[in-house]
Amino acid sequence: MSQSVKGTIRQISQEKKFGNMLKKSLILETDDKYPQKLEIEFVNDKINLLHGYDQGEKVEIGYNLRGREWTSPKNEVKYFMSLSGWKIDRSVGLTNATQNQDRKEAQVDDLAF
């Protein structure tokens, strides 16, 4: 099931290795009336998508909802759910001024007629 969510990055974890799998996660705080803090995992090659992103940035993340069953050594069955990120876009909340910070607006006095 693929969905997306918008919000602000609150934390980005260090990369972790589990066997032959790499995982990095982030905490995203939604912009809803009642904000939610969601952990979204990026696995293996999707970790590279997080390069260049920092805490405090507004983003939109595409994710898949994953669920799994686990049986404990005591034979108790438990169910776990995770959000697995596959896309991240920082276009949320950007304005022309924030996208072009290296450009200065021309002053009317500077223009030659």
PDB file of N, CA and C in Angstrom:
ATOM      1  N   MET A   1       0.855  -1.162   0.000  1.00  0.00           N
ATOM      2  CA  MET A   1       0.000   0.000   0.000  1.00  0.00           C
ATOM      3  C   MET A   1       0.910   1.238   0.000  1.00  0.00           C
ATOM      4  N   SER A   2       0.827   2.044  -1.029  1.00  0.00           N
ATOM      5  CA  SER A   2       1.686   3.216  -1.160  1.00  0.00           C
ATOM      6  C   SER A   2       0.910   4.489  -0.843  1.00  0.00           C
ATOM      7  N   GLN A   3       1.508   5.346   0.002  1.00  0.00           N
ATOM      8  CA  GLN A   3       0.887   6.601   0.387  1.00  0.00           C
ATOM      9  C   GLN A   3       1.977   7.649   0.532  1.00  0.00           C
ATOM     10  N   SER A   4       1.584   8.882   0.863  1.00  0.00           N
ATOM     11  CA  SER A   4       2.575   9.920   1.149  1.00  0.00           C
ATOM     12  C   SER A   4       2.107  10.740   2.347  1.00  0.00           C
ATOM     13  N   VAL A   5       3.078  11.403   2.979  1.00  0.00           N
ATOM     14  CA  VAL A   5       2.800  12.214   4.161  1.00  0.00           C
ATOM     15  C   VAL A   5       3.706  13.440   4.107  1.00  0.00           C
ATOM     16  N   LYS A   6       3.184  14.581   4.559  1.00  0.00           N
ATOM     17  CA  LYS A   6       3.937  15.825   4.587  1.00  0.00           C
ATOM     18  C   LYS A   6       4.217  16.207   6.033  1.00  0.00           C
ATOM     19  N   GLY A   7       5.372  16.826   6.247  1.00  0.00           N
ATOM     20  CA  GLY A   7       5.692  17.271   7.591  1.00  0.00           C
ATOM     21  C   GLY A   7       7.101  17.821   7.681  1.00  0.00           C
ATOM     22  N   THR A   8       7.588  17.927   8.920  1.00  0.00           N
ATOM     23  CA  THR A   8       8.903  18.484   9.207  1.00  0.00           C
ATOM     24  C   THR A   8       9.796  17.402   9.791  1.00  0.00           C
ATOM     25  N   ILE A   9      11.017  17.297   9.278  1.00  0.00           N
ATOM     26  CA  ILE A   9      11.975  16.328   9.804  1.00  0.00           C
ATOM     27  C   ILE A   9      12.404  16.772  11.198  1.00  0.00           C
ATOM     28  N   ARG A  10      12.218  15.920  12.183  1.00  0.00           N
ATOM     29  CA  ARG A  10      12.604  16.225  13.559  1.00  0.00           C
ATOM     30  C   ARG A  10      13.916  15.555  13.942  1.00  0.00           C
ATOM     31  N   GLN A  11      14.215  14.407  13.313  1.00  0.00           N
ATOM     32  CA  GLN A  11      15.429  13.678  13.654  1.00  0.00           C
ATOM     33  C   GLN A  11      15.756  12.707  12.532  1.00  0.00           C
ATOM     34  N   ILE A  12      17.054  12.525  12.254  1.00  0.00           N
ATOM     35  CA  ILE A  12      17.513  11.513  11.305  1.00  0.00           C
ATOM     36  C   ILE A  12      18.510  10.632  12.046  1.00  0.00           C
ATOM     37  N   SER A  13      18.272   9.326  12.030  1.00  0.00           N
ATOM     38  CA  SER A  13      19.131   8.394  12.778  1.00  0.00           C
ATOM     39  C   SER A  13      20.414   8.096  12.012  1.00  0.00           C
ATOM     40  N   GLN A  14      21.344   7.466  12.709  1.00  0.00           N
ATOM     41  CA  GLN A  14      22.558   6.956  12.081  1.00  0.00           C
ATOM     42  C   GLN A  14      22.207   5.674  11.326  1.00  0.00           C
ATOM     43  N   GLU A  15      22.997   5.368  10.329  1.00  0.00           N
ATOM     44  CA  GLU A  15      22.809   4.143   9.561  1.00  0.00           C
ATOM     45  C   GLU A  15      23.119   2.934  10.450  1.00  0.00           C
ATOM     46  N   LYS A  16      22.267   1.898  10.356  1.00  0.00           N
ATOM     47  CA  LYS A  16      22.462   0.681  11.149  1.00  0.00           C
ATOM     48  C   LYS A  16      22.477  -0.518  10.217  1.00  0.00           C
ATOM     49  N   LYS A  17      23.239  -1.534  10.603  1.00  0.00           N
ATOM     50  CA  LYS A  17      23.331  -2.751   9.793  1.00  0.00           C
ATOM     51  C   LYS A  17      22.737  -3.918  10.567  1.00  0.00           C
ATOM     52  N   PHE A  18      21.853  -4.664   9.906  1.00  0.00           N
ATOM     53  CA  PHE A  18      21.227  -5.856  10.469  1.00  0.00           C
ATOM     54  C   PHE A  18      21.482  -6.996   9.485  1.00  0.00           C
ATOM     55  N   GLY A  19      22.505  -7.806   9.759  1.00  0.00           N
ATOM     56  CA  GLY A  19      22.868  -8.866   8.816  1.00  0.00           C
ATOM     57  C   GLY A  19      23.362  -8.235   7.524  1.00  0.00           C
ATOM     58  N   ASN A  20      22.689  -8.526   6.425  1.00  0.00           N
ATOM     59  CA  ASN A  20      23.070  -7.916   5.142  1.00  0.00           C
ATOM     60  C   ASN A  20      22.153  -6.743   4.772  1.00  0.00           C
ATOM     61  N   MET A  21      21.340  -6.264   5.711  1.00  0.00           N
ATOM     62  CA  MET A  21      20.415  -5.155   5.460  1.00  0.00           C
ATOM     63  C   MET A  21      20.912  -3.885   6.157  1.00  0.00           C
ATOM     64  N   LEU A  22      20.836  -2.761   5.445  1.00  0.00           N
ATOM     65  CA  LEU A  22      21.145  -1.449   6.009  1.00  0.00           C
ATOM     66  C   LEU A  22      19.851  -0.696   6.234  1.00  0.00           C
ATOM     67  N   LYS A  23      19.785   0.057   7.339  1.00  0.00           N
ATOM     68  CA  LYS A  23      18.567   0.808   7.647  1.00  0.00           C
ATOM     69  C   LYS A  23      18.925   2.155   8.250  1.00  0.00           C
ATOM     70  N   LYS A  24      18.179   3.177   7.836  1.00  0.00           N
ATOM     71  CA  LYS A  24      18.285   4.515   8.405  1.00  0.00           C
ATOM     72  C   LYS A  24      16.857   5.027   8.514  1.00  0.00           C
ATOM     73  N   SER A  25      16.528   5.676   9.621  1.00  0.00           N
ATOM     74  CA  SER A  25      15.157   6.151   9.777  1.00  0.00           C
ATOM     75  C   SER A  25      15.136   7.625  10.131  1.00  0.00           C
ATOM     76  N   LEU A  26      13.982   8.213   9.947  1.00  0.00           N
ATOM     77  CA  LEU A  26      13.796   9.603  10.359  1.00  0.00           C
ATOM     78  C   LEU A  26      12.479   9.725  11.095  1.00  0.00           C
ATOM     79  N   ILE A  27      12.412  10.754  11.925  1.00  0.00           N
ATOM     80  CA  ILE A  27      11.168  11.070  12.626  1.00  0.00           C
ATOM     81  C   ILE A  27      10.575  12.277  11.914  1.00  0.00           C
ATOM     82  N   LEU A  28       9.357  12.129  11.432  1.00  0.00           N
ATOM     83  CA  LEU A  28       8.652  13.184  10.725  1.00  0.00           C
ATOM     84  C   LEU A  28       7.474  13.632  11.581  1.00  0.00           C
ATOM     85  N   GLU A  29       7.377  14.940  11.815  1.00  0.00           N
ATOM     86  CA  GLU A  29       6.226  15.488  12.541  1.00  0.00           C
ATOM     87  C   GLU A  29       5.264  16.063  11.509  1.00  0.00           C
ATOM     88  N   THR A  30       4.036  15.551  11.506  1.00  0.00           N
ATOM     89  CA  THR A  30       3.054  15.988  10.517  1.00  0.00           C
ATOM     90  C   THR A  30       2.577  17.407  10.819  1.00  0.00           C
ATOM     91  N   ASP A  31       2.015  18.047   9.801  1.00  0.00           N
ATOM     92  CA  ASP A  31       1.522  19.421   9.923  1.00  0.00           C
ATOM     93  C   ASP A  31       0.024  19.466  10.224  1.00  0.00           C
ATOM     94  N   ASP A  32      -0.515  18.388  10.739  1.00  0.00           N
ATOM     95  CA  ASP A  32      -1.946  18.296  11.016  1.00  0.00           C
ATOM     96  C   ASP A  32      -2.346  19.146  12.214  1.00  0.00           C
ATOM     97  N   LYS A  33      -3.656  19.283  12.406  1.00  0.00           N
ATOM     98  CA  LYS A  33      -4.174  19.996  13.577  1.00  0.00           C
ATOM     99  C   LYS A  33      -3.643  19.340  14.857  1.00  0.00           C
ATOM    100  N   TYR A  34      -3.584  18.021  14.868  1.00  0.00           N
ATOM    101  CA  TYR A  34      -3.011  17.257  15.969  1.00  0.00           C
ATOM    102  C   TYR A  34      -1.787  16.531  15.421  1.00  0.00           C
ATOM    103  N   PRO A  35      -0.613  17.194  15.437  1.00  0.00           N
ATOM    104  CA  PRO A  35       0.592  16.632  14.815  1.00  0.00           C
ATOM    105  C   PRO A  35       0.953  15.251  15.358  1.00  0.00           C
ATOM    106  N   GLN A  36       1.402  14.405  14.456  1.00  0.00           N
ATOM    107  CA  GLN A  36       1.844  13.064  14.803  1.00  0.00           C
ATOM    108  C   GLN A  36       3.338  12.962  14.517  1.00  0.00           C
ATOM    109  N   LYS A  37       4.054  12.202  15.316  1.00  0.00           N
ATOM    110  CA  LYS A  37       5.469  11.941  15.069  1.00  0.00           C
ATOM    111  C   LYS A  37       5.579  10.507  14.559  1.00  0.00           C
ATOM    112  N   LEU A  38       6.035  10.379  13.308  1.00  0.00           N
ATOM    113  CA  LEU A  38       6.094   9.089  12.641  1.00  0.00           C
ATOM    114  C   LEU A  38       7.537   8.698  12.366  1.00  0.00           C
ATOM    115  N   GLU A  39       7.876   7.445  12.623  1.00  0.00           N
ATOM    116  CA  GLU A  39       9.189   6.934  12.240  1.00  0.00           C
ATOM    117  C   GLU A  39       9.044   6.289  10.867  1.00  0.00           C
ATOM    118  N   ILE A  40       9.849   6.754   9.925  1.00  0.00           N
ATOM    119  CA  ILE A  40       9.824   6.214   8.569  1.00  0.00           C
ATOM    120  C   ILE A  40      11.199   5.633   8.288  1.00  0.00           C
ATOM    121  N   GLU A  41      11.244   4.361   7.888  1.00  0.00           N
ATOM    122  CA  GLU A  41      12.493   3.654   7.638  1.00  0.00           C
ATOM    123  C   GLU A  41      12.871   3.722   6.164  1.00  0.00           C
ATOM    124  N   PHE A  42      14.153   3.904   5.903  1.00  0.00           N
ATOM    125  CA  PHE A  42      14.703   3.820   4.556  1.00  0.00           C
ATOM    126  C   PHE A  42      15.702   2.668   4.585  1.00  0.00           C
ATOM    127  N   VAL A  43      15.555   1.710   3.673  1.00  0.00           N
ATOM    128  CA  VAL A  43      16.322   0.474   3.729  1.00  0.00           C
ATOM    129  C   VAL A  43      17.182   0.312   2.478  1.00  0.00           C
ATOM    130  N   ASN A  44      18.393  -0.223   2.692  1.00  0.00           N
ATOM    131  CA  ASN A  44      19.366  -0.544   1.640  1.00  0.00           C
ATOM    132  C   ASN A  44      19.614   0.638   0.709  1.00  0.00           C
ATOM    133  N   ASP A  45      19.323   0.518  -0.579  1.00  0.00           N
ATOM    134  CA  ASP A  45      19.638   1.590  -1.535  1.00  0.00           C
ATOM    135  C   ASP A  45      18.799   2.852  -1.317  1.00  0.00           C
ATOM    136  N   LYS A  46      17.698   2.772  -0.609  1.00  0.00           N
ATOM    137  CA  LYS A  46      16.853   3.948  -0.350  1.00  0.00           C
ATOM    138  C   LYS A  46      17.472   4.883   0.690  1.00  0.00           C
ATOM    139  N   ILE A  47      18.487   4.409   1.431  1.00  0.00           N
ATOM    140  CA  ILE A  47      19.185   5.249   2.404  1.00  0.00           C
ATOM    141  C   ILE A  47      19.784   6.478   1.720  1.00  0.00           C
ATOM    142  N   ASN A  48      20.265   6.292   0.503  1.00  0.00           N
ATOM    143  CA  ASN A  48      20.890   7.395  -0.236  1.00  0.00           C
ATOM    144  C   ASN A  48      19.947   8.565  -0.465  1.00  0.00           C
ATOM    145  N   LEU A  49      18.654   8.328  -0.435  1.00  0.00           N
ATOM    146  CA  LEU A  49      17.678   9.406  -0.631  1.00  0.00           C
ATOM    147  C   LEU A  49      17.753  10.455   0.476  1.00  0.00           C
ATOM    148  N   LEU A  50      18.259  10.075   1.641  1.00  0.00           N
ATOM    149  CA  LEU A  50      18.304  10.986   2.789  1.00  0.00           C
ATOM    150  C   LEU A  50      19.517  11.913   2.781  1.00  0.00           C
ATOM    151  N   HIS A  51      20.489  11.648   1.904  1.00  0.00           N
ATOM    152  CA  HIS A  51      21.675  12.510   1.842  1.00  0.00           C
ATOM    153  C   HIS A  51      21.268  13.935   1.496  1.00  0.00           C
ATOM    154  N   GLY A  52      21.763  14.893   2.265  1.00  0.00           N
ATOM    155  CA  GLY A  52      21.482  16.301   2.007  1.00  0.00           C
ATOM    156  C   GLY A  52      20.263  16.846   2.739  1.00  0.00           C
ATOM    157  N   TYR A  53      19.553  15.995   3.461  1.00  0.00           N
ATOM    158  CA  TYR A  53      18.394  16.456   4.231  1.00  0.00           C
ATOM    159  C   TYR A  53      18.804  16.698   5.673  1.00  0.00           C
ATOM    160  N   ASP A  54      18.204  17.719   6.293  1.00  0.00           N
ATOM    161  CA  ASP A  54      18.543  18.091   7.660  1.00  0.00           C
ATOM    162  C   ASP A  54      17.298  18.240   8.518  1.00  0.00           C
ATOM    163  N   GLN A  55      17.529  18.204   9.816  1.00  0.00           N
ATOM    164  CA  GLN A  55      16.470  18.438  10.784  1.00  0.00           C
ATOM    165  C   GLN A  55      15.851  19.812  10.532  1.00  0.00           C
ATOM    166  N   GLY A  56      14.525  19.906  10.625  1.00  0.00           N
ATOM    167  CA  GLY A  56      13.818  21.167  10.444  1.00  0.00           C
ATOM    168  C   GLY A  56      13.283  21.396   9.040  1.00  0.00           C
ATOM    169  N   GLU A  57      13.691  20.580   8.074  1.00  0.00           N
ATOM    170  CA  GLU A  57      13.206  20.764   6.696  1.00  0.00           C
ATOM    171  C   GLU A  57      11.797  20.215   6.538  1.00  0.00           C
ATOM    172  N   LYS A  58      11.007  20.918   5.732  1.00  0.00           N
ATOM    173  CA  LYS A  58       9.663  20.457   5.392  1.00  0.00           C
ATOM    174  C   LYS A  58       9.774  19.584   4.152  1.00  0.00           C
ATOM    175  N   VAL A  59       9.156  18.406   4.219  1.00  0.00           N
ATOM    176  CA  VAL A  59       9.272  17.433   3.137  1.00  0.00           C
ATOM    177  C   VAL A  59       7.953  16.697   2.925  1.00  0.00           C
ATOM    178  N   GLU A  60       7.904  16.006   1.809  1.00  0.00           N
ATOM    179  CA  GLU A  60       6.829  15.046   1.542  1.00  0.00           C
ATOM    180  C   GLU A  60       7.513  13.715   1.275  1.00  0.00           C
ATOM    181  N   ILE A  61       7.052  12.672   1.957  1.00  0.00           N
ATOM    182  CA  ILE A  61       7.671  11.360   1.847  1.00  0.00           C
ATOM    183  C   ILE A  61       6.661  10.362   1.301  1.00  0.00           C
ATOM    184  N   GLY A  62       7.070   9.639   0.265  1.00  0.00           N
ATOM    185  CA  GLY A  62       6.291   8.524  -0.247  1.00  0.00           C
ATOM    186  C   GLY A  62       6.703   7.279   0.520  1.00  0.00           C
ATOM    187  N   TYR A  63       5.743   6.503   0.996  1.00  0.00           N
ATOM    188  CA  TYR A  63       6.076   5.325   1.790  1.00  0.00           C
ATOM    189  C   TYR A  63       5.118   4.178   1.494  1.00  0.00           C
ATOM    190  N   ASN A  64       5.563   2.987   1.832  1.00  0.00           N
ATOM    191  CA  ASN A  64       4.730   1.788   1.789  1.00  0.00           C
ATOM    192  C   ASN A  64       4.477   1.342   3.219  1.00  0.00           C
ATOM    193  N   LEU A  65       3.277   0.932   3.496  1.00  0.00           N
ATOM    194  CA  LEU A  65       2.903   0.400   4.800  1.00  0.00           C
ATOM    195  C   LEU A  65       3.233  -1.094   4.798  1.00  0.00           C
ATOM    196  N   ARG A  66       4.059  -1.516   5.749  1.00  0.00           N
ATOM    197  CA  ARG A  66       4.488  -2.912   5.826  1.00  0.00           C
ATOM    198  C   ARG A  66       4.030  -3.510   7.151  1.00  0.00           C
ATOM    199  N   GLY A  67       3.604  -4.742   7.114  1.00  0.00           N
ATOM    200  CA  GLY A  67       3.192  -5.446   8.321  1.00  0.00           C
ATOM    201  C   GLY A  67       3.768  -6.848   8.334  1.00  0.00           C
ATOM    202  N   ARG A  68       4.020  -7.366   9.521  1.00  0.00           N
ATOM    203  CA  ARG A  68       4.556  -8.714   9.623  1.00  0.00           C
ATOM    204  C   ARG A  68       4.103  -9.380  10.917  1.00  0.00           C
ATOM    205  N   GLU A  69       4.121 -10.685  10.875  1.00  0.00           N
ATOM    206  CA  GLU A  69       3.757 -11.492  12.029  1.00  0.00           C
ATOM    207  C   GLU A  69       5.031 -12.069  12.634  1.00  0.00           C
ATOM    208  N   TRP A  70       5.091 -12.145  13.965  1.00  0.00           N
ATOM    209  CA  TRP A  70       6.240 -12.708  14.660  1.00  0.00           C
ATOM    210  C   TRP A  70       5.740 -13.606  15.785  1.00  0.00           C
ATOM    211  N   THR A  71       6.361 -14.758  15.920  1.00  0.00           N
ATOM    212  CA  THR A  71       6.012 -15.690  16.996  1.00  0.00           C
ATOM    213  C   THR A  71       7.164 -15.732  17.986  1.00  0.00           C
ATOM    214  N   SER A  72       6.881 -15.447  19.236  1.00  0.00           N
ATOM    215  CA  SER A  72       7.898 -15.421  20.288  1.00  0.00           C
ATOM    216  C   SER A  72       8.317 -16.842  20.657  1.00  0.00           C
ATOM    217  N   PRO A  73       9.424 -16.955  21.386  1.00  0.00           N
ATOM    218  CA  PRO A  73       9.824 -18.290  21.870  1.00  0.00           C
ATOM    219  C   PRO A  73       8.769 -18.939  22.764  1.00  0.00           C
ATOM    220  N   LYS A  74       7.889 -18.129  23.357  1.00  0.00           N
ATOM    221  CA  LYS A  74       6.798 -18.663  24.184  1.00  0.00           C
ATOM    222  C   LYS A  74       5.559 -18.974  23.351  1.00  0.00           C
ATOM    223  N   ASN A  75       5.719 -18.914  22.028  1.00  0.00           N
ATOM    224  CA  ASN A  75       4.648 -19.210  21.072  1.00  0.00           C
ATOM    225  C   ASN A  75       3.533 -18.168  21.071  1.00  0.00           C
ATOM    226  N   GLU A  76       3.854 -16.939  21.485  1.00  0.00           N
ATOM    227  CA  GLU A  76       2.898 -15.831  21.420  1.00  0.00           C
ATOM    228  C   GLU A  76       3.050 -15.150  20.060  1.00  0.00           C
ATOM    229  N   VAL A  77       1.949 -14.911  19.399  1.00  0.00           N
ATOM    230  CA  VAL A  77       1.976 -14.271  18.085  1.00  0.00           C
ATOM    231  C   VAL A  77       1.767 -12.772  18.248  1.00  0.00           C
ATOM    232  N   LYS A  78       2.653 -11.996  17.641  1.00  0.00           N
ATOM    233  CA  LYS A  78       2.544 -10.532  17.671  1.00  0.00           C
ATOM    234  C   LYS A  78       2.630 -10.012  16.255  1.00  0.00           C
ATOM    235  N   TYR A  79       2.059  -8.819  16.048  1.00  0.00           N
ATOM    236  CA  TYR A  79       2.056  -8.194  14.735  1.00  0.00           C
ATOM    237  C   TYR A  79       2.745  -6.835  14.822  1.00  0.00           C
ATOM    238  N   PHE A  80       3.570  -6.544  13.832  1.00  0.00           N
ATOM    239  CA  PHE A  80       4.316  -5.300  13.780  1.00  0.00           C
ATOM    240  C   PHE A  80       4.037  -4.588  12.471  1.00  0.00           C
ATOM    241  N   MET A  81       4.093  -3.274  12.514  1.00  0.00           N
ATOM    242  CA  MET A  81       3.850  -2.449  11.336  1.00  0.00           C
ATOM    243  C   MET A  81       4.990  -1.449  11.197  1.00  0.00           C
ATOM    244  N   SER A  82       5.371  -1.126   9.964  1.00  0.00           N
ATOM    245  CA  SER A  82       6.397  -0.114   9.735  1.00  0.00           C
ATOM    246  C   SER A  82       6.056   0.689   8.480  1.00  0.00           C
ATOM    247  N   LEU A  83       6.610   1.882   8.417  1.00  0.00           N
ATOM    248  CA  LEU A  83       6.479   2.739   7.244  1.00  0.00           C
ATOM    249  C   LEU A  83       7.823   2.703   6.523  1.00  0.00           C
ATOM    250  N   SER A  84       7.827   2.248   5.295  1.00  0.00           N
ATOM    251  CA  SER A  84       9.056   2.081   4.534  1.00  0.00           C
ATOM    252  C   SER A  84       9.126   3.141   3.440  1.00  0.00           C
ATOM    253  N   GLY A  85      10.028   4.124   3.607  1.00  0.00           N
ATOM    254  CA  GLY A  85      10.137   5.234   2.661  1.00  0.00           C
ATOM    255  C   GLY A  85      10.787   4.831   1.359  1.00  0.00           C
ATOM    256  N   TRP A  86      10.265   5.363   0.247  1.00  0.00           N
ATOM    257  CA  TRP A  86      10.841   5.101  -1.064  1.00  0.00           C
ATOM    258  C   TRP A  86      11.049   6.387  -1.868  1.00  0.00           C
ATOM    259  N   LYS A  87      10.598   7.528  -1.331  1.00  0.00           N
ATOM    260  CA  LYS A  87      10.731   8.807  -2.030  1.00  0.00           C
ATOM    261  C   LYS A  87      10.694   9.923  -0.987  1.00  0.00           C
ATOM    262  N   ILE A  88      11.500  10.972  -1.217  1.00  0.00           N
ATOM    263  CA  ILE A  88      11.449  12.143  -0.355  1.00  0.00           C
ATOM    264  C   ILE A  88      11.639  13.371  -1.231  1.00  0.00           C
ATOM    265  N   ASP A  89      10.830  14.396  -0.964  1.00  0.00           N
ATOM    266  CA  ASP A  89      10.838  15.610  -1.789  1.00  0.00           C
ATOM    267  C   ASP A  89      10.750  16.819  -0.878  1.00  0.00           C
ATOM    268  N   ARG A  90      11.670  17.765  -1.040  1.00  0.00           N
ATOM    269  CA  ARG A  90      11.662  18.929  -0.164  1.00  0.00           C
ATOM    270  C   ARG A  90      10.896  20.093  -0.766  1.00  0.00           C
ATOM    271  N   SER A  91      10.087  19.868  -1.750  1.00  0.00           N
ATOM    272  CA  SER A  91       9.355  20.972  -2.375  1.00  0.00           C
ATOM    273  C   SER A  91       8.242  21.519  -1.493  1.00  0.00           C
ATOM    274  N   VAL A  92       7.872  20.813  -0.460  1.00  0.00           N
ATOM    275  CA  VAL A  92       6.795  21.254   0.423  1.00  0.00           C
ATOM    276  C   VAL A  92       7.239  22.499   1.178  1.00  0.00           C
ATOM    277  N   GLY A  93       6.467  23.556   1.100  1.00  0.00           N
ATOM    278  CA  GLY A  93       6.740  24.757   1.874  1.00  0.00           C
ATOM    279  C   GLY A  93       7.817  25.661   1.313  1.00  0.00           C
ATOM    280  N   LEU A  94       8.362  25.324   0.155  1.00  0.00           N
ATOM    281  CA  LEU A  94       9.392  26.179  -0.419  1.00  0.00           C
ATOM    282  C   LEU A  94       8.764  27.346  -1.159  1.00  0.00           C
ATOM    283  N   THR A  95       9.417  28.473  -1.081  1.00  0.00           N
ATOM    284  CA  THR A  95       8.989  29.640  -1.838  1.00  0.00           C
ATOM    285  C   THR A  95      10.109  30.010  -2.788  1.00  0.00           C
ATOM    286  N   ASN A  96       9.845  30.903  -3.701  1.00  0.00           N
ATOM    287  CA  ASN A  96      10.873  31.347  -4.636  1.00  0.00           C
ATOM    288  C   ASN A  96      12.068  31.919  -3.880  1.00  0.00           C
ATOM    289  N   ALA A  97      11.838  32.625  -2.802  1.00  0.00           N
ATOM    290  CA  ALA A  97      12.920  33.232  -2.024  1.00  0.00           C
ATOM    291  C   ALA A  97      13.802  32.169  -1.375  1.00  0.00           C
ATOM    292  N   THR A  98      13.197  31.088  -0.829  1.00  0.00           N
ATOM    293  CA  THR A  98      14.008  30.060  -0.184  1.00  0.00           C
ATOM    294  C   THR A  98      14.712  29.172  -1.195  1.00  0.00           C
ATOM    295  N   GLN A  99      14.149  29.013  -2.375  1.00  0.00           N
ATOM    296  CA  GLN A  99      14.787  28.204  -3.400  1.00  0.00           C
ATOM    297  C   GLN A  99      15.959  28.926  -4.042  1.00  0.00           C
ATOM    298  N   ASN A 100      15.937  30.252  -4.081  1.00  0.00           N
ATOM    299  CA  ASN A 100      16.949  31.031  -4.768  1.00  0.00           C
ATOM    300  C   ASN A 100      17.647  31.999  -3.829  1.00  0.00           C
ATOM    301  N   GLN A 101      18.137  31.492  -2.719  1.00  0.00           N
ATOM    302  CA  GLN A 101      18.770  32.343  -1.730  1.00  0.00           C
ATOM    303  C   GLN A 101      20.049  32.975  -2.257  1.00  0.00           C
ATOM    304  N   ASP A 102      20.675  32.361  -3.259  1.00  0.00           N
ATOM    305  CA  ASP A 102      21.914  32.903  -3.798  1.00  0.00           C
ATOM    306  C   ASP A 102      21.673  34.064  -4.763  1.00  0.00           C
ATOM    307  N   ARG A 103      20.452  34.288  -5.104  1.00  0.00           N
ATOM    308  CA  ARG A 103      20.120  35.387  -6.016  1.00  0.00           C
ATOM    309  C   ARG A 103      19.534  36.541  -5.224  1.00  0.00           C
ATOM    310  N   LYS A 104      19.981  37.735  -5.524  1.00  0.00           N
ATOM    311  CA  LYS A 104      19.440  38.910  -4.844  1.00  0.00           C
ATOM    312  C   LYS A 104      18.467  39.597  -5.786  1.00  0.00           C
ATOM    313  N   GLU A 105      17.436  40.129  -5.186  1.00  0.00           N
ATOM    314  CA  GLU A 105      16.484  40.873  -6.000  1.00  0.00           C
ATOM    315  C   GLU A 105      17.143  42.165  -6.466  1.00  0.00           C
ATOM    316  N   ALA A 106      16.943  42.477  -7.716  1.00  0.00           N
ATOM    317  CA  ALA A 106      17.528  43.700  -8.271  1.00  0.00           C
ATOM    318  C   ALA A 106      16.815  44.914  -7.694  1.00  0.00           C
ATOM    319  N   GLN A 107      17.580  45.860  -7.269  1.00  0.00           N
ATOM    320  CA  GLN A 107      17.028  47.115  -6.761  1.00  0.00           C
ATOM    321  C   GLN A 107      16.665  47.994  -7.967  1.00  0.00           C
ATOM    322  N   VAL A 108      15.604  48.740  -7.855  1.00  0.00           N
ATOM    323  CA  VAL A 108      15.181  49.605  -8.939  1.00  0.00           C
ATOM    324  C   VAL A 108      16.295  50.606  -9.271  1.00  0.00           C
ATOM    325  N   ASP A 109      17.036  51.059  -8.250  1.00  0.00           N
ATOM    326  CA  ASP A 109      18.119  52.018  -8.464  1.00  0.00           C
ATOM    327  C   ASP A 109      19.263  51.395  -9.288  1.00  0.00           C
ATOM    328  N   ASP A 110      19.403  50.068  -9.235  1.00  0.00           N
ATOM    329  CA  ASP A 110      20.498  49.407  -9.915  1.00  0.00           C
ATOM    330  C   ASP A 110      20.223  49.202 -11.403  1.00  0.00           C
ATOM    331  N   LEU A 111      18.981  49.342 -11.801  1.00  0.00           N
ATOM    332  CA  LEU A 111      18.645  49.105 -13.200  1.00  0.00           C
ATOM    333  C   LEU A 111      18.978  50.331 -14.053  1.00  0.00           C
ATOM    334  N   ALA A 112      19.605  50.082 -15.183  1.00  0.00           N
ATOM    335  CA  ALA A 112      19.936  51.182 -16.100  1.00  0.00           C
ATOM    336  C   ALA A 112      18.868  51.257 -17.174  1.00  0.00           C
ATOM    337  N   PHE A 113      18.388  52.458 -17.421  1.00  0.00           N
ATOM    338  CA  PHE A 113      17.358  52.621 -18.445  1.00  0.00           C
ATOM    339  C   PHE A 113      17.928  53.294 -19.647  1.00  0.00           C
TER     340      PHE A 113
END
